[in-house]
Amino acid sequence: MKTCHEFDTVRAEYEREIGFMLAHSKRHEGRPAAKSSAKQAASTKQRMARALSTHVGRCPECG
């Protein structure tokens, strides 16, 4: 699947944010902050999927 620059940029931003949350979760393992961060990472993955799906549906270069 060929994607445009904007798709790659949006994906990279979401993956960076998810990486930060997962790293925080690992650093604070066993604490409530770790559990919260892991849950936020999971919901961010869902938001990323929704955002990219919407982008592909609207972008003439990707879709």
PDB file of N, CA and C in Angstrom:
ATOM      1  N   MET A   1       0.843  -1.176   0.000  1.00  0.00           N
ATOM      2  CA  MET A   1       0.000   0.000   0.000  1.00  0.00           C
ATOM      3  C   MET A   1       0.890   1.242   0.000  1.00  0.00           C
ATOM      4  N   LYS A   2       0.693   2.101  -0.968  1.00  0.00           N
ATOM      5  CA  LYS A   2       1.461   3.335  -1.072  1.00  0.00           C
ATOM      6  C   LYS A   2       0.770   4.405  -0.232  1.00  0.00           C
ATOM      7  N   THR A   3       1.549   5.084   0.589  1.00  0.00           N
ATOM      8  CA  THR A   3       0.986   6.123   1.445  1.00  0.00           C
ATOM      9  C   THR A   3       1.708   7.442   1.211  1.00  0.00           C
ATOM     10  N   CYS A   4       1.050   8.517   1.594  1.00  0.00           N
ATOM     11  CA  CYS A   4       1.620   9.851   1.400  1.00  0.00           C
ATOM     12  C   CYS A   4       2.462  10.254   2.609  1.00  0.00           C
ATOM     13  N   HIS A   5       3.094  11.400   2.481  1.00  0.00           N
ATOM     14  CA  HIS A   5       3.963  11.922   3.536  1.00  0.00           C
ATOM     15  C   HIS A   5       3.165  12.222   4.805  1.00  0.00           C
ATOM     16  N   GLU A   6       1.970  12.751   4.651  1.00  0.00           N
ATOM     17  CA  GLU A   6       1.154  13.096   5.815  1.00  0.00           C
ATOM     18  C   GLU A   6       0.790  11.845   6.615  1.00  0.00           C
ATOM     19  N   PHE A   7       0.461  10.765   5.921  1.00  0.00           N
ATOM     20  CA  PHE A   7       0.150   9.496   6.585  1.00  0.00           C
ATOM     21  C   PHE A   7       1.338   9.039   7.428  1.00  0.00           C
ATOM     22  N   ASP A   8       2.522   9.087   6.831  1.00  0.00           N
ATOM     23  CA  ASP A   8       3.737   8.670   7.539  1.00  0.00           C
ATOM     24  C   ASP A   8       4.022   9.557   8.745  1.00  0.00           C
ATOM     25  N   THR A   9       3.768  10.844   8.603  1.00  0.00           N
ATOM     26  CA  THR A   9       3.993  11.787   9.698  1.00  0.00           C
ATOM     27  C   THR A   9       3.044  11.516  10.854  1.00  0.00           C
ATOM     28  N   VAL A  10       1.766  11.347  10.546  1.00  0.00           N
ATOM     29  CA  VAL A  10       0.769  11.084  11.590  1.00  0.00           C
ATOM     30  C   VAL A  10       1.092   9.773  12.305  1.00  0.00           C
ATOM     31  N   ARG A  11       1.431   8.760  11.540  1.00  0.00           N
ATOM     32  CA  ARG A  11       1.757   7.462  12.124  1.00  0.00           C
ATOM     33  C   ARG A  11       2.979   7.557  13.045  1.00  0.00           C
ATOM     34  N   ALA A  12       4.004   8.272  12.594  1.00  0.00           N
ATOM     35  CA  ALA A  12       5.225   8.413  13.392  1.00  0.00           C
ATOM     36  C   ALA A  12       4.950   9.148  14.707  1.00  0.00           C
ATOM     37  N   GLU A  13       4.094  10.173  14.663  1.00  0.00           N
ATOM     38  CA  GLU A  13       3.763  10.913  15.882  1.00  0.00           C
ATOM     39  C   GLU A  13       3.042  10.019  16.880  1.00  0.00           C
ATOM     40  N   TYR A  14       2.074   9.257  16.398  1.00  0.00           N
ATOM     41  CA  TYR A  14       1.341   8.357  17.292  1.00  0.00           C
ATOM     42  C   TYR A  14       2.268   7.281  17.866  1.00  0.00           C
ATOM     43  N   GLU A  15       3.115   6.691  17.023  1.00  0.00           N
ATOM     44  CA  GLU A  15       4.013   5.641  17.495  1.00  0.00           C
ATOM     45  C   GLU A  15       5.012   6.173  18.514  1.00  0.00           C
ATOM     46  N   ARG A  16       5.460   7.410  18.335  1.00  0.00           N
ATOM     47  CA  ARG A  16       6.373   8.031  19.289  1.00  0.00           C
ATOM     48  C   ARG A  16       5.678   8.201  20.640  1.00  0.00           C
ATOM     49  N   GLU A  17       4.452   8.708  20.604  1.00  0.00           N
ATOM     50  CA  GLU A  17       3.685   8.908  21.835  1.00  0.00           C
ATOM     51  C   GLU A  17       3.425   7.580  22.547  1.00  0.00           C
ATOM     52  N   ILE A  18       3.075   6.555  21.787  1.00  0.00           N
ATOM     53  CA  ILE A  18       2.836   5.227  22.360  1.00  0.00           C
ATOM     54  C   ILE A  18       4.119   4.688  22.980  1.00  0.00           C
ATOM     55  N   GLY A  19       5.233   4.889  22.309  1.00  0.00           N
ATOM     56  CA  GLY A  19       6.526   4.442  22.833  1.00  0.00           C
ATOM     57  C   GLY A  19       6.862   5.094  24.162  1.00  0.00           C
ATOM     58  N   PHE A  20       6.584   6.394  24.271  1.00  0.00           N
ATOM     59  CA  PHE A  20       6.820   7.097  25.539  1.00  0.00           C
ATOM     60  C   PHE A  20       5.976   6.504  26.657  1.00  0.00           C
ATOM     61  N   MET A  21       4.704   6.241  26.357  1.00  0.00           N
ATOM     62  CA  MET A  21       3.800   5.701  27.379  1.00  0.00           C
ATOM     63  C   MET A  21       4.225   4.305  27.820  1.00  0.00           C
ATOM     64  N   LEU A  22       4.611   3.474  26.870  1.00  0.00           N
ATOM     65  CA  LEU A  22       5.035   2.116  27.218  1.00  0.00           C
ATOM     66  C   LEU A  22       6.348   2.131  28.007  1.00  0.00           C
ATOM     67  N   ALA A  23       7.248   3.036  27.651  1.00  0.00           N
ATOM     68  CA  ALA A  23       8.509   3.152  28.391  1.00  0.00           C
ATOM     69  C   ALA A  23       8.238   3.614  29.820  1.00  0.00           C
ATOM     70  N   HIS A  24       7.328   4.543  29.976  1.00  0.00           N
ATOM     71  CA  HIS A  24       6.962   5.013  31.312  1.00  0.00           C
ATOM     72  C   HIS A  24       6.370   3.868  32.119  1.00  0.00           C
ATOM     73  N   SER A  25       5.538   3.078  31.464  1.00  0.00           N
ATOM     74  CA  SER A  25       4.906   1.939  32.132  1.00  0.00           C
ATOM     75  C   SER A  25       5.955   0.931  32.613  1.00  0.00           C
ATOM     76  N   LYS A  26       6.975   0.691  31.802  1.00  0.00           N
ATOM     77  CA  LYS A  26       8.022  -0.254  32.189  1.00  0.00           C
ATOM     78  C   LYS A  26       8.884   0.307  33.328  1.00  0.00           C
ATOM     79  N   ARG A  27       9.154   1.616  33.276  1.00  0.00           N
ATOM     80  CA  ARG A  27       9.977   2.239  34.313  1.00  0.00           C
ATOM     81  C   ARG A  27       9.296   2.200  35.677  1.00  0.00           C
ATOM     82  N   HIS A  28       7.983   2.334  35.689  1.00  0.00           N
ATOM     83  CA  HIS A  28       7.238   2.411  36.944  1.00  0.00           C
ATOM     84  C   HIS A  28       6.421   1.152  37.194  1.00  0.00           C
ATOM     85  N   GLU A  29       6.942   0.030  36.766  1.00  0.00           N
ATOM     86  CA  GLU A  29       6.246  -1.246  36.900  1.00  0.00           C
ATOM     87  C   GLU A  29       5.832  -1.498  38.357  1.00  0.00           C
ATOM     88  N   GLY A  30       4.600  -1.944  38.527  1.00  0.00           N
ATOM     89  CA  GLY A  30       4.101  -2.248  39.856  1.00  0.00           C
ATOM     90  C   GLY A  30       3.406  -1.079  40.547  1.00  0.00           C
ATOM     91  N   ARG A  31       3.387   0.063  39.912  1.00  0.00           N
ATOM     92  CA  ARG A  31       2.749   1.250  40.484  1.00  0.00           C
ATOM     93  C   ARG A  31       1.478   1.572  39.698  1.00  0.00           C
ATOM     94  N   PRO A  32       0.577   2.312  40.298  1.00  0.00           N
ATOM     95  CA  PRO A  32      -0.642   2.708  39.583  1.00  0.00           C
ATOM     96  C   PRO A  32      -0.349   3.520  38.314  1.00  0.00           C
ATOM     97  N   ALA A  33       0.728   4.301  38.340  1.00  0.00           N
ATOM     98  CA  ALA A  33       1.086   5.112  37.170  1.00  0.00           C
ATOM     99  C   ALA A  33       1.401   4.224  35.964  1.00  0.00           C
ATOM    100  N   ALA A  34       1.986   3.066  36.210  1.00  0.00           N
ATOM    101  CA  ALA A  34       2.321   2.147  35.121  1.00  0.00           C
ATOM    102  C   ALA A  34       1.058   1.597  34.480  1.00  0.00           C
ATOM    103  N   LYS A  35       0.115   1.239  35.288  1.00  0.00           N
ATOM    104  CA  LYS A  35      -1.144   0.694  34.773  1.00  0.00           C
ATOM    105  C   LYS A  35      -1.891   1.759  33.962  1.00  0.00           C
ATOM    106  N   SER A  36      -1.908   2.966  34.472  1.00  0.00           N
ATOM    107  CA  SER A  36      -2.561   4.072  33.783  1.00  0.00           C
ATOM    108  C   SER A  36      -1.891   4.348  32.432  1.00  0.00           C
ATOM    109  N   SER A  37      -0.588   4.343  32.428  1.00  0.00           N
ATOM    110  CA  SER A  37       0.162   4.600  31.207  1.00  0.00           C
ATOM    111  C   SER A  37      -0.069   3.496  30.171  1.00  0.00           C
ATOM    112  N   ALA A  38      -0.142   2.265  30.610  1.00  0.00           N
ATOM    113  CA  ALA A  38      -0.389   1.151  29.697  1.00  0.00           C
ATOM    114  C   ALA A  38      -1.789   1.259  29.090  1.00  0.00           C
ATOM    115  N   LYS A  39      -2.757   1.663  29.895  1.00  0.00           N
ATOM    116  CA  LYS A  39      -4.123   1.839  29.383  1.00  0.00           C
ATOM    117  C   LYS A  39      -4.183   2.981  28.372  1.00  0.00           C
ATOM    118  N   GLN A  40      -3.461   4.061  28.657  1.00  0.00           N
ATOM    119  CA  GLN A  40      -3.426   5.186  27.728  1.00  0.00           C
ATOM    120  C   GLN A  40      -2.764   4.783  26.414  1.00  0.00           C
ATOM    121  N   ALA A  41      -1.745   3.961  26.486  1.00  0.00           N
ATOM    122  CA  ALA A  41      -1.075   3.491  25.268  1.00  0.00           C
ATOM    123  C   ALA A  41      -2.032   2.670  24.423  1.00  0.00           C
ATOM    124  N   ALA A  42      -2.824   1.819  25.064  1.00  0.00           N
ATOM    125  CA  ALA A  42      -3.788   0.999  24.328  1.00  0.00           C
ATOM    126  C   ALA A  42      -4.852   1.869  23.662  1.00  0.00           C
ATOM    127  N   SER A  43      -5.338   2.868  24.364  1.00  0.00           N
ATOM    128  CA  SER A  43      -6.359   3.733  23.767  1.00  0.00           C
ATOM    129  C   SER A  43      -5.755   4.601  22.665  1.00  0.00           C
ATOM    130  N   THR A  44      -4.486   4.961  22.805  1.00  0.00           N
ATOM    131  CA  THR A  44      -3.818   5.740  21.763  1.00  0.00           C
ATOM    132  C   THR A  44      -3.637   4.902  20.504  1.00  0.00           C
ATOM    133  N   LYS A  45      -3.396   3.616  20.661  1.00  0.00           N
ATOM    134  CA  LYS A  45      -3.298   2.731  19.491  1.00  0.00           C
ATOM    135  C   LYS A  45      -4.623   2.703  18.738  1.00  0.00           C
ATOM    136  N   GLN A  46      -5.723   2.679  19.471  1.00  0.00           N
ATOM    137  CA  GLN A  46      -7.042   2.692  18.828  1.00  0.00           C
ATOM    138  C   GLN A  46      -7.286   4.019  18.108  1.00  0.00           C
ATOM    139  N   ARG A  47      -6.888   5.121  18.749  1.00  0.00           N
ATOM    140  CA  ARG A  47      -7.049   6.431  18.107  1.00  0.00           C
ATOM    141  C   ARG A  47      -6.194   6.534  16.853  1.00  0.00           C
ATOM    142  N   MET A  48      -4.981   5.960  16.895  1.00  0.00           N
ATOM    143  CA  MET A  48      -4.110   5.974  15.728  1.00  0.00           C
ATOM    144  C   MET A  48      -4.761   5.218  14.577  1.00  0.00           C
ATOM    145  N   ALA A  49      -5.313   4.053  14.871  1.00  0.00           N
ATOM    146  CA  ALA A  49      -5.958   3.256  13.836  1.00  0.00           C
ATOM    147  C   ALA A  49      -7.130   4.019  13.224  1.00  0.00           C
ATOM    148  N   ARG A  50      -7.916   4.669  14.073  1.00  0.00           N
ATOM    149  CA  ARG A  50      -9.066   5.436  13.589  1.00  0.00           C
ATOM    150  C   ARG A  50      -8.606   6.616  12.732  1.00  0.00           C
ATOM    151  N   ALA A  51      -7.589   7.330  13.183  1.00  0.00           N
ATOM    152  CA  ALA A  51      -7.086   8.495  12.447  1.00  0.00           C
ATOM    153  C   ALA A  51      -6.508   8.093  11.099  1.00  0.00           C
ATOM    154  N   LEU A  52      -5.745   7.011  11.075  1.00  0.00           N
ATOM    155  CA  LEU A  52      -5.139   6.576   9.812  1.00  0.00           C
ATOM    156  C   LEU A  52      -6.186   6.038   8.851  1.00  0.00           C
ATOM    157  N   SER A  53      -7.170   5.350   9.381  1.00  0.00           N
ATOM    158  CA  SER A  53      -8.256   4.833   8.540  1.00  0.00           C
ATOM    159  C   SER A  53      -9.030   5.985   7.905  1.00  0.00           C
ATOM    160  N   THR A  54      -9.318   7.000   8.692  1.00  0.00           N
ATOM    161  CA  THR A  54     -10.017   8.167   8.179  1.00  0.00           C
ATOM    162  C   THR A  54      -9.170   8.871   7.122  1.00  0.00           C
ATOM    163  N   HIS A  55      -7.888   8.974   7.381  1.00  0.00           N
ATOM    164  CA  HIS A  55      -6.980   9.622   6.433  1.00  0.00           C
ATOM    165  C   HIS A  55      -6.994   8.887   5.089  1.00  0.00           C
ATOM    166  N   VAL A  56      -6.867   7.584   5.134  1.00  0.00           N
ATOM    167  CA  VAL A  56      -6.838   6.795   3.894  1.00  0.00           C
ATOM    168  C   VAL A  56      -8.150   6.966   3.123  1.00  0.00           C
ATOM    169  N   GLY A  57      -9.248   7.056   3.842  1.00  0.00           N
ATOM    170  CA  GLY A  57     -10.542   7.243   3.188  1.00  0.00           C
ATOM    171  C   GLY A  57     -10.694   8.593   2.515  1.00  0.00           C
ATOM    172  N   ARG A  58      -9.988   9.586   2.993  1.00  0.00           N
ATOM    173  CA  ARG A  58     -10.138  10.949   2.464  1.00  0.00           C
ATOM    174  C   ARG A  58      -9.014  11.395   1.551  1.00  0.00           C
ATOM    175  N   CYS A  59      -7.857  10.802   1.672  1.00  0.00           N
ATOM    176  CA  CYS A  59      -6.675  11.247   0.916  1.00  0.00           C
ATOM    177  C   CYS A  59      -6.688  10.654  -0.499  1.00  0.00           C
ATOM    178  N   PRO A  60      -6.611  11.501  -1.518  1.00  0.00           N
ATOM    179  CA  PRO A  60      -6.604  10.975  -2.885  1.00  0.00           C
ATOM    180  C   PRO A  60      -5.320  10.201  -3.228  1.00  0.00           C
ATOM    181  N   GLU A  61      -4.221  10.529  -2.545  1.00  0.00           N
ATOM    182  CA  GLU A  61      -2.954   9.854  -2.813  1.00  0.00           C
ATOM    183  C   GLU A  61      -2.893   8.471  -2.159  1.00  0.00           C
ATOM    184  N   CYS A  62      -3.473   8.344  -0.958  1.00  0.00           N
ATOM    185  CA  CYS A  62      -3.428   7.072  -0.224  1.00  0.00           C
ATOM    186  C   CYS A  62      -4.554   6.137  -0.653  1.00  0.00           C
ATOM    187  N   GLY A  63      -5.719   6.686  -0.863  1.00  0.00           N
ATOM    188  CA  GLY A  63      -6.899   5.859  -1.127  1.00  0.00           C
ATOM    189  C   GLY A  63      -7.073   5.613  -2.538  1.00  0.00           C
TER     190      GLY A  63
END
